[in-house]
């Protein structure tokens, strides 16, 4: 699905061999990397640093994603046009329900 959307897991691209996790289940004593940092090729090029930080208040670990360039902040928003593609929309809903 990432290929269809033109995105990649930038954390994995930067940390090809690392084994770090973003989620810990105390009940089952398991770790997983549930939280993905998906971005376009442009964001991948602009990535200065990306790290999974120490968890404090949650069962999820925070991810710090630093971008090169301007210090101005920006807000990311999903491209709503993607939801108009029925085939893609159905796939996303199916994946979401199975998650």
C-alpha atoms as a PDB file:
ATOM      1  CA  UNK A   1       0.000   0.000   0.000  1.00  0.00           C
ATOM      2  CA  UNK A   2       2.920   2.347   0.702  1.00  0.00           C
ATOM      3  CA  UNK A   3       4.014   2.054  -2.921  1.00  0.00           C
ATOM      4  CA  UNK A   4       0.513   2.961  -4.092  1.00  0.00           C
ATOM      5  CA  UNK A   5       0.573   6.072  -1.895  1.00  0.00           C
ATOM      6  CA  UNK A   6       4.136   7.026  -2.831  1.00  0.00           C
ATOM      7  CA  UNK A   7       5.394   6.895   0.759  1.00  0.00           C
ATOM      8  CA  UNK A   8       8.083   4.959   2.587  1.00  0.00           C
ATOM      9  CA  UNK A   9       8.928   4.189   6.216  1.00  0.00           C
ATOM     10  CA  UNK A  10      11.562   6.863   6.751  1.00  0.00           C
ATOM     11  CA  UNK A  11      12.656   5.568  10.158  1.00  0.00           C
ATOM     12  CA  UNK A  12      13.484   2.197   8.592  1.00  0.00           C
ATOM     13  CA  UNK A  13      15.259   3.866   5.670  1.00  0.00           C
ATOM     14  CA  UNK A  14      17.517   5.823   8.062  1.00  0.00           C
ATOM     15  CA  UNK A  15      17.961   2.944  10.532  1.00  0.00           C
ATOM     16  CA  UNK A  16      18.247  -0.030   8.189  1.00  0.00           C
ATOM     17  CA  UNK A  17      19.716  -2.503  10.696  1.00  0.00           C
ATOM     18  CA  UNK A  18      18.425  -1.153  14.026  1.00  0.00           C
ATOM     19  CA  UNK A  19      16.080  -3.197  16.172  1.00  0.00           C
ATOM     20  CA  UNK A  20      14.129  -0.605  18.127  1.00  0.00           C
ATOM     21  CA  UNK A  21      10.486  -0.688  19.102  1.00  0.00           C
ATOM     22  CA  UNK A  22       7.711   1.875  19.513  1.00  0.00           C
ATOM     23  CA  UNK A  23       5.307  -0.170  21.612  1.00  0.00           C
ATOM     24  CA  UNK A  24       5.624  -2.310  24.734  1.00  0.00           C
ATOM     25  CA  UNK A  25       2.911  -4.618  26.050  1.00  0.00           C
ATOM     26  CA  UNK A  26       3.424  -5.150  29.758  1.00  0.00           C
ATOM     27  CA  UNK A  27       0.669  -7.761  29.815  1.00  0.00           C
ATOM     28  CA  UNK A  28       2.379  -9.985  27.229  1.00  0.00           C
ATOM     29  CA  UNK A  29       5.941  -8.728  27.745  1.00  0.00           C
ATOM     30  CA  UNK A  30       6.327  -8.070  24.011  1.00  0.00           C
ATOM     31  CA  UNK A  31       7.712  -5.231  21.948  1.00  0.00           C
ATOM     32  CA  UNK A  32       6.630  -4.169  18.468  1.00  0.00           C
ATOM     33  CA  UNK A  33       7.301  -1.346  16.058  1.00  0.00           C
ATOM     34  CA  UNK A  34       3.687  -0.335  15.507  1.00  0.00           C
ATOM     35  CA  UNK A  35       4.207   3.363  14.902  1.00  0.00           C
ATOM     36  CA  UNK A  36       5.541   4.125  11.442  1.00  0.00           C
ATOM     37  CA  UNK A  37       7.044   7.327  10.127  1.00  0.00           C
ATOM     38  CA  UNK A  38       5.662   7.366   6.633  1.00  0.00           C
ATOM     39  CA  UNK A  39       6.751  10.124   4.312  1.00  0.00           C
ATOM     40  CA  UNK A  40       7.307  11.103   0.723  1.00  0.00           C
ATOM     41  CA  UNK A  41      10.643  11.083  -1.066  1.00  0.00           C
ATOM     42  CA  UNK A  42      10.896  14.845  -0.398  1.00  0.00           C
ATOM     43  CA  UNK A  43      10.512  14.306   3.358  1.00  0.00           C
ATOM     44  CA  UNK A  44      13.035  11.504   3.207  1.00  0.00           C
ATOM     45  CA  UNK A  45      15.591  13.832   1.623  1.00  0.00           C
ATOM     46  CA  UNK A  46      14.797  16.569   4.169  1.00  0.00           C
ATOM     47  CA  UNK A  47      15.188  14.231   7.177  1.00  0.00           C
ATOM     48  CA  UNK A  48      18.071  15.318   9.375  1.00  0.00           C
ATOM     49  CA  UNK A  49      17.570  12.790  12.151  1.00  0.00           C
ATOM     50  CA  UNK A  50      14.883  10.378  13.307  1.00  0.00           C
ATOM     51  CA  UNK A  51      14.992   8.530  16.631  1.00  0.00           C
ATOM     52  CA  UNK A  52      12.756   6.477  18.858  1.00  0.00           C
ATOM     53  CA  UNK A  53      12.966   8.120  22.274  1.00  0.00           C
ATOM     54  CA  UNK A  54      12.466   6.831  25.821  1.00  0.00           C
ATOM     55  CA  UNK A  55       8.832   6.263  26.787  1.00  0.00           C
ATOM     56  CA  UNK A  56       7.488   8.112  29.791  1.00  0.00           C
ATOM     57  CA  UNK A  57       3.698   8.142  30.195  1.00  0.00           C
ATOM     58  CA  UNK A  58       2.466   5.707  27.583  1.00  0.00           C
ATOM     59  CA  UNK A  59       2.950   2.192  26.264  1.00  0.00           C
ATOM     60  CA  UNK A  60       4.132   3.843  23.032  1.00  0.00           C
ATOM     61  CA  UNK A  61       7.593   5.324  22.616  1.00  0.00           C
ATOM     62  CA  UNK A  62       7.752   8.843  21.116  1.00  0.00           C
ATOM     63  CA  UNK A  63       9.524   9.367  17.802  1.00  0.00           C
ATOM     64  CA  UNK A  64      11.602  12.500  17.277  1.00  0.00           C
ATOM     65  CA  UNK A  65      11.786  13.418  13.589  1.00  0.00           C
ATOM     66  CA  UNK A  66      14.029  16.374  12.728  1.00  0.00           C
ATOM     67  CA  UNK A  67      13.995  17.950   9.293  1.00  0.00           C
ATOM     68  CA  UNK A  68      16.812  19.867   7.591  1.00  0.00           C
ATOM     69  CA  UNK A  69      16.299  23.434   6.484  1.00  0.00           C
ATOM     70  CA  UNK A  70      13.968  26.097   7.713  1.00  0.00           C
ATOM     71  CA  UNK A  71      13.106  26.328  11.385  1.00  0.00           C
ATOM     72  CA  UNK A  72       9.480  27.198  10.629  1.00  0.00           C
ATOM     73  CA  UNK A  73       6.939  24.712  11.855  1.00  0.00           C
ATOM     74  CA  UNK A  74       4.396  23.187   9.545  1.00  0.00           C
ATOM     75  CA  UNK A  75       1.269  21.106   9.843  1.00  0.00           C
ATOM     76  CA  UNK A  76       0.902  17.845   7.973  1.00  0.00           C
ATOM     77  CA  UNK A  77      -2.449  16.987   6.542  1.00  0.00           C
ATOM     78  CA  UNK A  78      -3.500  13.836   4.743  1.00  0.00           C
ATOM     79  CA  UNK A  79      -4.220  14.276   1.064  1.00  0.00           C
ATOM     80  CA  UNK A  80      -8.019  13.894   1.078  1.00  0.00           C
ATOM     81  CA  UNK A  81      -7.944  13.162  -2.638  1.00  0.00           C
ATOM     82  CA  UNK A  82      -6.662   9.681  -1.750  1.00  0.00           C
ATOM     83  CA  UNK A  83      -9.980   8.929  -0.056  1.00  0.00           C
ATOM     84  CA  UNK A  84     -11.837   9.522  -3.338  1.00  0.00           C
ATOM     85  CA  UNK A  85     -10.101   6.509  -4.889  1.00  0.00           C
ATOM     86  CA  UNK A  86     -12.630   3.772  -4.078  1.00  0.00           C
ATOM     87  CA  UNK A  87     -10.212   0.854  -4.428  1.00  0.00           C
ATOM     88  CA  UNK A  88      -7.625   2.517  -2.201  1.00  0.00           C
ATOM     89  CA  UNK A  89     -10.288   3.615   0.296  1.00  0.00           C
ATOM     90  CA  UNK A  90     -11.656   0.057   0.603  1.00  0.00           C
ATOM     91  CA  UNK A  91      -8.136  -1.306   1.124  1.00  0.00           C
ATOM     92  CA  UNK A  92      -7.422   1.277   3.831  1.00  0.00           C
ATOM     93  CA  UNK A  93     -10.694   0.536   5.657  1.00  0.00           C
ATOM     94  CA  UNK A  94      -9.991  -3.202   5.495  1.00  0.00           C
ATOM     95  CA  UNK A  95      -6.485  -2.720   6.893  1.00  0.00           C
ATOM     96  CA  UNK A  96      -7.781  -0.383   9.609  1.00  0.00           C
ATOM     97  CA  UNK A  97     -10.412  -2.911  10.724  1.00  0.00           C
ATOM     98  CA  UNK A  98      -7.900  -5.751  10.825  1.00  0.00           C
ATOM     99  CA  UNK A  99      -5.557  -3.599  12.913  1.00  0.00           C
END
